[in-house]
Protein backbone atom coordinates (compact mmCIF):
# COMPACT_ATOMS: atom_id res chain seq x y z
CA UNK A 1 40.37 11.14 -42.13
CA UNK A 2 40.22 7.47 -40.99
CA UNK A 3 42.12 7.09 -44.42
CA UNK A 4 44.94 9.32 -43.07
CA UNK A 5 45.35 7.76 -39.53
CA UNK A 6 45.54 4.13 -41.12
CA UNK A 7 48.16 5.44 -43.58
CA UNK A 8 50.05 7.10 -40.43
CA UNK A 9 49.64 3.88 -38.40
CA UNK A 10 50.90 1.65 -41.14
CA UNK A 11 53.99 4.00 -41.45
CA UNK A 12 54.53 3.92 -37.79
CA UNK A 13 54.72 0.09 -38.16
CA UNK A 14 57.25 0.09 -40.90
CA UNK A 15 59.38 2.46 -39.23
CA UNK A 16 59.73 -0.17 -36.25
CA UNK A 17 56.76 0.29 -34.20
CA UNK A 18 57.98 4.09 -34.71
CA UNK A 19 61.61 4.22 -33.09
CA UNK A 20 63.56 4.00 -36.49
CA UNK A 21 62.36 8.13 -36.45
CA UNK A 22 65.12 8.55 -33.73
CA UNK A 23 67.58 6.72 -35.43
CA UNK A 24 70.63 9.22 -36.09
CA UNK A 25 68.92 11.99 -34.69
CA UNK A 26 70.20 12.98 -30.79
CA UNK A 27 67.22 13.16 -28.65
CA UNK A 28 68.36 13.93 -25.04
CA UNK A 29 65.62 15.40 -22.53
CA UNK A 30 67.37 17.11 -19.15
CA UNK A 31 65.57 14.60 -17.11
CA UNK A 32 66.52 11.62 -18.83
CA UNK A 33 70.23 13.33 -18.96
CA UNK A 34 70.29 13.79 -15.14
CA UNK A 35 68.94 10.13 -15.01
CA UNK A 36 71.37 8.64 -16.80
CA UNK A 37 73.98 10.55 -15.15
CA UNK A 38 73.30 9.12 -12.28
CA UNK A 39 72.29 5.72 -13.00
CA UNK A 40 75.53 5.66 -14.33
CA UNK A 41 77.49 6.61 -11.52
CA UNK A 42 75.43 4.16 -9.35
CA UNK A 43 76.61 1.17 -11.89
CA UNK A 44 80.39 2.31 -11.35
CA UNK A 45 79.78 2.35 -7.48
CA UNK A 46 77.80 0.25 -6.00
CA UNK A 47 77.75 -3.27 -4.62
CA UNK A 48 77.78 -5.90 -7.28
CA UNK A 49 74.69 -7.33 -6.35
CA UNK A 50 72.97 -4.19 -6.81
CA UNK A 51 74.79 -3.54 -10.15
CA UNK A 52 71.98 -4.59 -12.56
CA UNK A 53 69.58 -2.52 -10.83
CA UNK A 54 70.22 0.85 -13.03
CA UNK A 55 69.55 -1.02 -16.30
CA UNK A 56 66.11 -1.98 -15.16
CA UNK A 57 65.37 1.38 -13.70
CA UNK A 58 66.17 2.81 -17.06
CA UNK A 59 64.11 0.53 -18.86
CA UNK A 60 61.08 0.93 -16.92
CA UNK A 61 60.99 4.69 -17.05
CA UNK A 62 62.76 6.24 -19.86
CA UNK A 63 61.81 5.64 -23.47
CA UNK A 64 64.37 4.20 -26.01
CA UNK A 65 64.57 6.79 -28.44
CA UNK A 66 66.55 9.03 -26.16
CA UNK A 67 70.08 8.96 -27.71
CA UNK A 68 72.98 10.60 -28.35
CA UNK A 69 74.93 10.39 -31.54
CA UNK A 70 78.88 10.57 -31.43
CA UNK A 71 80.61 10.55 -34.55
CA UNK A 72 77.70 9.16 -36.36
CA UNK A 73 77.43 5.85 -34.12
CA UNK A 74 74.08 5.86 -32.38
CA UNK A 75 74.10 5.22 -28.69
CA UNK A 76 70.76 5.47 -27.19
CA UNK A 77 70.98 5.72 -23.04
CA UNK A 78 70.84 1.72 -22.48
CA UNK A 79 74.34 1.52 -24.38
CA UNK A 80 75.58 4.52 -22.59
CA UNK A 81 74.95 2.64 -19.27
CA UNK A 82 76.12 -0.65 -20.37
CA UNK A 83 79.53 1.25 -21.50
CA UNK A 84 79.73 2.37 -17.79
CA UNK A 85 78.78 -1.19 -16.97
CA UNK A 86 81.93 -2.68 -19.15
CA UNK A 87 84.28 -0.27 -17.31
CA UNK A 88 82.85 -1.07 -13.94
CA UNK A 89 83.46 -4.94 -14.63
CA UNK A 90 87.03 -4.43 -16.33
CA UNK A 91 88.27 -1.81 -13.07
CA UNK A 92 87.14 -4.17 -10.55
CA UNK A 93 87.93 -7.52 -12.27
CA UNK A 94 84.40 -8.90 -11.73
CA UNK A 95 84.93 -11.15 -14.44
CA UNK A 96 87.74 -12.96 -13.06
CA UNK A 97 86.18 -16.57 -11.20
CA UNK A 98 83.79 -16.30 -13.78
CA UNK A 99 82.92 -19.90 -15.33
CA UNK A 100 81.39 -20.04 -18.39
CA UNK A 101 79.71 -22.95 -19.71
CA UNK A 102 77.55 -24.56 -22.52
CA UNK A 103 74.93 -21.53 -22.24
CA UNK A 104 77.63 -18.82 -22.73
CA UNK A 105 79.16 -20.50 -25.84
CA UNK A 106 75.80 -20.81 -27.27
CA UNK A 107 74.83 -17.43 -26.46
CA UNK A 108 78.27 -16.26 -28.21
CA UNK A 109 78.01 -18.56 -31.19
CA UNK A 110 74.08 -17.26 -31.96
CA UNK A 111 75.13 -13.81 -31.88
CA UNK A 112 78.39 -13.91 -34.06
CA UNK A 113 76.87 -16.51 -36.54
CA UNK A 114 73.69 -14.01 -36.57
CA UNK A 115 75.71 -11.12 -37.25
CA UNK A 116 78.06 -12.75 -39.81
CA UNK A 117 75.19 -13.99 -41.91
CA UNK A 118 73.52 -10.26 -42.08
CA UNK A 119 76.92 -8.74 -42.81
CA UNK A 120 77.36 -10.79 -45.81
CA UNK A 121 73.67 -10.66 -46.89
CA UNK A 122 73.32 -6.88 -46.95
CA UNK A 123 77.08 -6.21 -47.62
CA UNK A 124 76.88 -2.77 -46.95
CA UNK A 125 78.88 -0.36 -44.52
CA UNK A 126 76.02 0.98 -43.18
CA UNK A 127 74.48 -2.13 -42.34
CA UNK A 128 77.76 -3.43 -40.77
CA UNK A 129 77.40 -0.55 -38.24
CA UNK A 130 73.94 -1.29 -37.47
CA UNK A 131 74.73 -4.85 -36.79
CA UNK A 132 77.53 -4.52 -34.92
CA UNK A 133 75.50 -2.01 -32.30
CA UNK A 134 73.21 -4.86 -32.14
CA UNK A 135 75.89 -7.15 -31.47
CA UNK A 136 76.96 -4.85 -29.01
CA UNK A 137 73.40 -4.79 -27.26
CA UNK A 138 73.03 -8.64 -27.05
CA UNK A 139 76.40 -9.52 -25.78
CA UNK A 140 76.53 -6.51 -23.80
CA UNK A 141 73.31 -7.08 -21.65
CA UNK A 142 74.11 -10.99 -21.31
CA UNK A 143 77.34 -10.89 -20.20
CA UNK A 144 77.18 -7.92 -17.88
CA UNK A 145 74.00 -9.79 -16.16
CA UNK A 146 76.18 -12.82 -16.06
CA UNK A 147 78.99 -11.20 -14.58
CA UNK A 148 76.85 -9.48 -12.13
CA UNK A 149 73.96 -12.07 -11.17
CA UNK A 150 76.41 -14.42 -9.22
CA UNK A 151 74.09 -16.12 -6.94
CA UNK A 152 70.41 -16.92 -5.18
CA UNK A 153 70.58 -14.09 -3.45
CA UNK A 154 71.20 -11.75 -6.26
CA UNK A 155 68.47 -13.28 -8.19
CA UNK A 156 66.04 -13.20 -5.21
CA UNK A 157 67.11 -9.15 -4.35
CA UNK A 158 66.75 -8.31 -7.92
CA UNK A 159 63.36 -9.81 -8.27
CA UNK A 160 61.69 -7.87 -5.35
CA UNK A 161 63.38 -4.53 -6.97
CA UNK A 162 61.23 -5.09 -9.90
CA UNK A 163 58.55 -6.17 -7.86
CA UNK A 164 58.91 -2.97 -6.22
CA UNK A 165 59.43 -0.81 -9.42
CA UNK A 166 56.27 -2.18 -11.05
CA UNK A 167 53.65 -0.63 -8.52
CA UNK A 168 54.48 3.20 -9.78
CA UNK A 169 54.65 1.82 -13.32
CA UNK A 170 51.44 0.46 -13.05
CA UNK A 171 50.03 4.04 -11.68
CA UNK A 172 51.75 5.76 -14.85
CA UNK A 173 49.64 3.05 -17.13
CA UNK A 174 46.58 4.00 -15.56
CA UNK A 175 46.99 7.64 -15.97
CA UNK A 176 47.43 7.03 -19.31
CA UNK A 177 44.10 5.13 -19.57
CA UNK A 178 42.15 7.60 -17.88
CA UNK A 179 43.65 10.74 -19.96
CA UNK A 180 44.50 9.39 -23.20
CA UNK A 181 48.02 11.14 -22.91
CA UNK A 182 51.30 9.32 -22.30
CA UNK A 183 53.00 10.84 -19.23
CA UNK A 184 56.33 9.64 -20.71
CA UNK A 185 56.01 11.86 -23.83
CA UNK A 186 57.36 14.67 -22.35
CA UNK A 187 60.81 12.70 -22.67
CA UNK A 188 60.18 12.28 -26.71
CA UNK A 189 60.03 9.25 -28.38
CA UNK A 190 57.02 8.03 -27.51
CA UNK A 191 53.28 9.27 -28.71
CA UNK A 192 51.71 12.35 -26.40
CA UNK A 193 48.21 10.99 -27.30
CA UNK A 194 47.55 6.90 -26.74
CA UNK A 195 46.69 4.83 -29.72
CA UNK A 196 43.30 3.78 -30.43
CA UNK A 197 42.20 0.19 -31.99
CA UNK A 198 38.91 -0.84 -32.10
CA UNK A 199 37.61 1.98 -29.49
CA UNK A 200 40.25 0.81 -26.84
CA UNK A 201 43.30 2.77 -25.86
CA UNK A 202 46.41 0.84 -26.09
CA UNK A 203 48.76 2.33 -23.49
CA UNK A 204 52.39 1.64 -24.06
CA UNK A 205 54.22 3.86 -21.57
CA UNK A 206 58.11 4.23 -22.01
CA UNK A 207 57.80 1.35 -24.81
CA UNK A 208 57.66 1.96 -28.33
CA UNK A 209 54.42 -0.39 -28.74
CA UNK A 210 51.52 -1.27 -26.36
CA UNK A 211 52.41 -5.02 -27.06
CA UNK A 212 56.36 -4.57 -26.09
CA UNK A 213 55.32 -2.57 -22.69
CA UNK A 214 52.67 -5.38 -22.08
CA UNK A 215 55.03 -8.49 -22.85
CA UNK A 216 57.42 -6.64 -20.69
CA UNK A 217 55.78 -7.05 -17.60
CA UNK A 218 53.65 -10.36 -17.95
CA UNK A 219 56.83 -12.15 -18.35
CA UNK A 220 57.96 -11.36 -14.87
CA UNK A 221 54.70 -12.66 -13.18
CA UNK A 222 55.94 -16.34 -12.77
CA UNK A 223 58.92 -14.89 -10.97
CA UNK A 224 56.58 -12.55 -8.83
CA UNK A 225 54.66 -15.77 -7.87
CA UNK A 226 57.96 -17.30 -6.27
CA UNK A 227 57.34 -15.45 -3.52
CA UNK A 228 53.91 -16.00 -3.01
CA UNK A 229 55.11 -18.67 -1.31
CA UNK A 230 58.12 -17.25 0.57
CA UNK A 231 56.94 -16.02 4.35
CA UNK A 232 57.91 -11.96 4.46
CA UNK A 233 57.45 -11.08 0.73
CA UNK A 234 53.87 -12.13 -0.03
CA UNK A 235 52.18 -8.73 -0.04
CA UNK A 236 54.69 -7.45 -2.31
CA UNK A 237 54.58 -10.09 -4.46
CA UNK A 238 50.55 -10.31 -4.53
CA UNK A 239 50.69 -6.38 -5.28
CA UNK A 240 53.40 -6.90 -8.11
CA UNK A 241 51.36 -9.67 -9.78
CA UNK A 242 48.01 -7.21 -9.59
CA UNK A 243 50.08 -4.13 -10.92
CA UNK A 244 51.30 -6.37 -13.63
CA UNK A 245 47.94 -7.35 -14.65
CA UNK A 246 46.67 -3.67 -14.69
CA UNK A 247 49.52 -3.08 -17.13
CA UNK A 248 48.33 -6.05 -19.32
CA UNK A 249 45.10 -4.92 -19.36
CA UNK A 250 45.58 -1.10 -20.38
CA UNK A 251 47.91 -2.40 -23.14
CA UNK A 252 44.81 -3.67 -24.96
CA UNK A 253 46.85 -6.35 -26.43
CA UNK A 254 46.57 -10.25 -27.01
CA UNK A 255 50.34 -10.98 -26.80
CA UNK A 256 50.63 -10.15 -23.19
CA UNK A 257 47.40 -11.73 -22.31
CA UNK A 258 48.98 -14.89 -23.36
CA UNK A 259 51.74 -14.18 -21.61
CA UNK A 260 49.60 -14.08 -18.75
CA UNK A 261 48.13 -17.58 -19.36
CA UNK A 262 51.37 -18.99 -20.21
CA UNK A 263 52.68 -18.17 -16.61
CA UNK A 264 49.74 -19.24 -14.91
CA UNK A 265 49.95 -22.25 -16.86
CA UNK A 266 53.75 -22.74 -15.85
CA UNK A 267 52.61 -22.39 -12.15
CA UNK A 268 49.86 -25.05 -12.68
CA UNK A 269 52.31 -27.69 -13.56
CA UNK A 270 54.25 -27.37 -10.55
CA UNK A 271 52.96 -30.64 -8.84
CA UNK A 272 53.34 -32.64 -11.95
CA UNK A 273 57.36 -31.08 -12.17
CA UNK A 274 58.22 -35.30 -11.97
CA UNK A 275 56.37 -35.61 -14.74
CA UNK A 276 57.50 -32.96 -17.28
CA UNK A 277 59.02 -35.48 -19.87
CA UNK A 278 55.62 -36.86 -20.41
CA UNK A 279 53.90 -33.78 -20.32
CA UNK A 280 56.14 -32.30 -23.03
CA UNK A 281 55.84 -35.77 -25.23
CA UNK A 282 51.84 -35.42 -24.55
CA UNK A 283 51.94 -32.09 -26.08
CA UNK A 284 54.01 -33.15 -28.88
CA UNK A 285 51.93 -35.72 -29.61
CA UNK A 286 48.43 -33.55 -29.36
CA UNK A 287 50.09 -31.13 -31.93
CA UNK A 288 51.34 -33.86 -34.39
CA UNK A 289 47.96 -35.55 -34.53
CA UNK A 290 46.12 -32.09 -35.03
CA UNK A 291 48.14 -31.73 -37.75
CA UNK A 292 47.57 -35.10 -39.42
CA UNK A 293 43.46 -34.24 -38.87
CA UNK A 294 42.94 -30.53 -39.45
CA UNK A 295 42.43 -29.23 -43.23
CA UNK A 296 44.65 -26.56 -42.28
CA UNK A 297 48.04 -26.82 -40.76
CA UNK A 298 48.55 -27.10 -36.76
CA UNK A 299 50.12 -23.48 -36.90
CA UNK A 300 46.48 -22.15 -37.98
CA UNK A 301 45.65 -22.52 -34.74
CA UNK A 302 47.66 -19.18 -33.64
CA UNK A 303 44.75 -17.44 -35.71
CA UNK A 304 42.31 -18.21 -33.56
CA UNK A 305 43.79 -16.78 -30.65
CA UNK A 306 42.45 -13.53 -29.80
CA UNK A 307 41.47 -11.51 -26.62
CA UNK A 308 41.48 -8.02 -27.94
CA UNK A 309 39.22 -6.13 -31.12
CA UNK A 310 41.08 -5.70 -34.30
CA UNK A 311 43.73 -8.62 -33.28
CA UNK A 312 46.11 -9.35 -35.77
CA UNK A 313 46.71 -12.78 -34.92
CA UNK A 314 45.95 -13.86 -38.41
CA UNK A 315 48.81 -11.91 -39.58
CA UNK A 316 51.02 -14.18 -37.16
CA UNK A 317 49.50 -17.49 -38.90
CA UNK A 318 50.67 -16.00 -42.22
CA UNK A 319 53.77 -15.38 -41.49
CA UNK A 320 54.47 -18.28 -39.64
CA UNK A 321 52.92 -20.37 -43.14
CA UNK A 322 54.91 -18.04 -45.37
CA UNK A 323 58.37 -18.45 -43.35
CA UNK A 324 57.93 -22.30 -43.98
CA UNK A 325 57.00 -22.20 -47.25
CA UNK A 326 59.76 -19.84 -48.36
CA UNK A 327 62.43 -21.75 -46.48
CA UNK A 328 64.71 -21.97 -49.39
CA UNK A 329 64.94 -18.39 -49.65
CA UNK A 330 66.12 -17.81 -46.03
CA UNK A 331 67.87 -20.52 -45.37
CA UNK A 332 71.64 -20.05 -46.11
CA UNK A 333 71.67 -16.43 -44.58
CA UNK A 334 68.53 -14.94 -44.45
CA UNK A 335 66.86 -12.74 -46.92
CA UNK A 336 66.70 -8.84 -46.93
CA UNK A 337 62.99 -8.39 -47.81
CA UNK A 338 60.18 -10.27 -46.81
CA UNK A 339 57.37 -7.78 -48.02
CA UNK A 340 56.69 -9.90 -51.29
CA UNK A 341 55.79 -12.85 -49.22
CA UNK A 342 52.18 -10.77 -49.02
CA UNK A 343 50.31 -8.14 -47.23
CA UNK A 344 52.76 -6.83 -44.01
CA UNK A 345 54.81 -9.35 -44.05
CA UNK A 346 57.62 -7.43 -43.82
CA UNK A 347 56.19 -7.10 -39.73
CA UNK A 348 58.40 -9.86 -38.27
CA UNK A 349 56.19 -10.34 -35.39
CA UNK A 350 57.39 -13.73 -34.37
CA UNK A 351 61.26 -13.75 -32.83
CA UNK A 352 61.91 -17.60 -34.14
CA UNK A 353 60.88 -16.30 -37.59
CA UNK A 354 63.18 -13.30 -37.16
CA UNK A 355 65.96 -14.70 -36.50
CA UNK A 356 65.87 -17.23 -39.45
CA UNK A 357 64.83 -14.16 -41.75
CA UNK A 358 67.82 -11.98 -40.15
CA UNK A 359 70.26 -14.74 -39.76
CA UNK A 360 69.74 -17.78 -41.61
CA UNK A 361 68.90 -21.68 -40.64
CA UNK A 362 71.86 -21.98 -37.93
CA UNK A 363 71.19 -18.59 -36.50
CA UNK A 364 68.11 -19.67 -35.65
CA UNK A 365 68.63 -23.33 -34.49
CA UNK A 366 71.25 -21.69 -31.99
CA UNK A 367 69.08 -19.77 -30.82
CA UNK A 368 66.42 -22.58 -30.16
CA UNK A 369 69.55 -24.22 -28.44
CA UNK A 370 70.09 -21.03 -26.16
CA UNK A 371 66.59 -21.61 -24.86
CA UNK A 372 66.64 -24.98 -24.69
CA UNK A 373 69.67 -24.96 -22.46
CA UNK A 374 67.71 -22.57 -20.15
CA UNK A 375 65.09 -24.68 -19.92
CA UNK A 376 67.39 -27.84 -19.40
CA UNK A 377 69.33 -25.64 -16.65
CA UNK A 378 66.16 -24.39 -14.62
CA UNK A 379 65.26 -28.18 -14.53
CA UNK A 380 68.76 -29.62 -13.37
CA UNK A 381 68.16 -27.00 -10.71
CA UNK A 382 65.08 -27.57 -9.17
CA UNK A 383 65.87 -30.61 -9.08
CA UNK A 384 69.46 -30.00 -7.43
CA UNK A 385 67.74 -28.49 -4.72
CA UNK A 386 65.00 -31.01 -3.75
CA UNK A 387 64.11 -30.21 -0.10
CA UNK A 388 64.80 -26.82 -0.05
CA UNK A 389 61.68 -25.31 -1.10
CA UNK A 390 63.15 -21.89 -1.58
CA UNK A 391 65.47 -22.45 -4.00
CA UNK A 392 63.09 -24.68 -5.75
CA UNK A 393 60.67 -22.00 -6.46
CA UNK A 394 63.21 -19.20 -7.80
CA UNK A 395 64.30 -22.18 -9.96
CA UNK A 396 60.94 -23.23 -11.29
CA UNK A 397 59.99 -19.34 -11.41
CA UNK A 398 63.05 -18.84 -13.69
CA UNK A 399 61.97 -21.41 -15.67
CA UNK A 400 58.45 -20.21 -15.80
CA UNK A 401 59.47 -16.87 -16.79
CA UNK A 402 61.59 -18.19 -19.87
CA UNK A 403 58.55 -20.63 -20.96
CA UNK A 404 56.41 -17.42 -21.08
CA UNK A 405 58.74 -15.38 -23.14
CA UNK A 406 58.91 -18.43 -25.62
CA UNK A 407 55.13 -18.15 -25.51
CA UNK A 408 54.86 -14.73 -26.45
CA UNK A 409 58.10 -14.80 -29.32
CA UNK A 410 55.54 -16.63 -31.40
CA UNK A 411 53.33 -13.48 -31.69
CA UNK A 412 56.12 -10.61 -31.35
CA UNK A 413 60.13 -10.28 -31.70
CA UNK A 414 62.01 -8.22 -28.80
CA UNK A 415 65.17 -7.72 -31.25
CA UNK A 416 64.51 -4.27 -31.67
CA UNK A 417 63.63 -3.32 -28.20
CA UNK A 418 66.68 -2.83 -25.70
CA UNK A 419 63.93 -2.89 -22.69
CA UNK A 420 62.63 -6.19 -23.49
CA UNK A 421 65.79 -7.95 -24.29
CA UNK A 422 67.08 -6.53 -21.04
CA UNK A 423 64.53 -8.85 -19.42
CA UNK A 424 64.83 -11.75 -21.21
CA UNK A 425 68.84 -11.71 -20.83
CA UNK A 426 68.32 -11.34 -17.34
CA UNK A 427 66.63 -14.56 -16.73
CA UNK A 428 69.21 -16.21 -18.89
CA UNK A 429 71.97 -15.13 -17.33
CA UNK A 430 70.70 -15.56 -14.13
CA UNK A 431 70.30 -19.77 -14.89
CA UNK A 432 73.81 -19.45 -16.73
CA UNK A 433 75.29 -18.41 -13.09
CA UNK A 434 73.33 -20.74 -10.84
CA UNK A 435 74.38 -23.34 -13.21
CA UNK A 436 77.57 -23.28 -11.00
CA UNK A 437 76.60 -22.37 -7.34
CA UNK A 438 77.73 -25.09 -5.27
CA UNK A 439 74.63 -27.50 -4.65
CA UNK A 440 73.72 -28.11 -1.05
CA UNK A 441 75.45 -30.96 1.17
CA UNK A 442 73.21 -34.21 0.80
CA UNK A 443 74.92 -35.47 4.15
CA UNK A 444 74.10 -32.53 6.33
CA UNK A 445 71.21 -31.29 4.31
CA UNK A 446 71.79 -27.67 4.78
CA UNK A 447 71.54 -25.24 1.49
CA UNK A 448 74.82 -23.71 0.06
CA UNK A 449 76.51 -20.83 1.54
CA UNK A 450 75.18 -17.99 -1.18
CA UNK A 451 76.47 -14.52 -0.56
CA UNK A 452 73.45 -12.23 -0.32
CA UNK A 453 71.18 -15.15 0.62
CA UNK A 454 70.73 -13.50 4.05
CA UNK A 455 69.57 -10.09 2.95
CA UNK A 456 67.62 -11.50 0.08
CA UNK A 457 65.61 -14.27 1.95
CA UNK A 458 66.17 -12.99 5.75
CA UNK A 459 68.32 -16.21 6.88
CA UNK A 460 71.51 -16.84 7.36
CA UNK A 461 73.66 -17.52 4.67
CA UNK A 462 73.53 -21.21 5.68
CA UNK A 463 70.01 -21.42 6.84
CA UNK A 464 67.81 -23.75 5.24
CA UNK A 465 64.59 -25.99 5.99
CA UNK A 466 66.19 -26.73 9.50
CA UNK A 467 63.11 -28.95 10.54
CA UNK A 468 60.10 -30.64 9.15
CA UNK A 469 58.08 -28.09 10.57
CA UNK A 470 59.69 -25.63 8.67
CA UNK A 471 59.00 -27.84 5.44
CA UNK A 472 55.39 -28.19 6.69
CA UNK A 473 54.99 -24.44 6.72
CA UNK A 474 54.93 -24.14 2.97
CA UNK A 475 51.33 -25.00 0.99
CA UNK A 476 51.38 -28.87 0.29
CA UNK A 477 50.50 -28.11 -3.53
CA UNK A 478 54.28 -26.37 -4.01
CA UNK A 479 56.05 -28.71 -2.01
């Protein structure tokens, strides 16, 4: 019986965490149809600052296996909402006035190069259709968020909205952990009975796997922490953080725990923000020194990270090791099959490895440059708003959220999860938009007029720290 269970679980993983079983099959629950219709209408009619909310609601509460097949083309519900979003942007001309920068060019180049390499590698019409669909997901999510998230007020409102929906989501995960049944299973596309590993339930909610569920919510914690220092939002931020931690615990996976640690680490370095160059180079030097003195390569340290029974951290190490040792096989345009590298090497549980395997060396480098540019923008933003704590905290929170994603990328790939991709591209797109927000006047020491700032922060659009007393109200360790 145990052997049969292991065989079924192995097949589930080979199918891409199970979602491949629903490809090319229309799976649509009436509740999901009604919800998508209402969310689609909301996308079309709500003010721009709220236009990203329907996608986040769908990602958090509807399994991605819900889909419709149209003329052999696979449209899951997220893609249908993106169609509505594209129509909205076109009809309202919301793309007009958007300034495109280096980050936008890097995202476009990475997506196109990866797609071209994949199509050339497989030289198959069916794989072309698959990759075009993936390209639509990537560019659709990024540029939709890029056009609808335009200022600090938009980002602030969005984070608060996510903090609110985390609360009922955590209740559903707790119910699953107590009953062993997934309350989202009535939709179809997720297991009815929760998976068990080493005697622990691994709750997944509407996500295709428990790890993806945990990483999705862990990644938001740095942004929730931003509002711990904002009067009027502290209670919401506190409960959102607790709810996220509850979800991470119920998933019983190591990667989300690492993400939580990364989130805490990001804010731990806030007092040292002016010495981050020294911190970064010290970390590089430490890793290089360890690589020189260790018998195994430095990436072997990943195999020792485990916070749950049955953790596959050794698999993560072997994947990176094989990826480096077989660089000659994938560097040009990627490789079709990595299964012959060793046991379970088909399971690309590393975002950077996946980029190289599926797109070659150039695609992987472009992806790294996208991430690096995101960090660079976050750094420029908090420096630009020196003396304006609320903006600084939000800029640092975006950088911390990106850092949390990157740390978790070493043991998970989000390329096959639109839910997780949505979370990642919200951060990247927000940074791309905020890069062009007019900086505050140095002479008047007033923050810029930001559309939506009043609603987001409870301040007039031109309000800032009006006095020394206002700034003194902020905890000293985050000033």
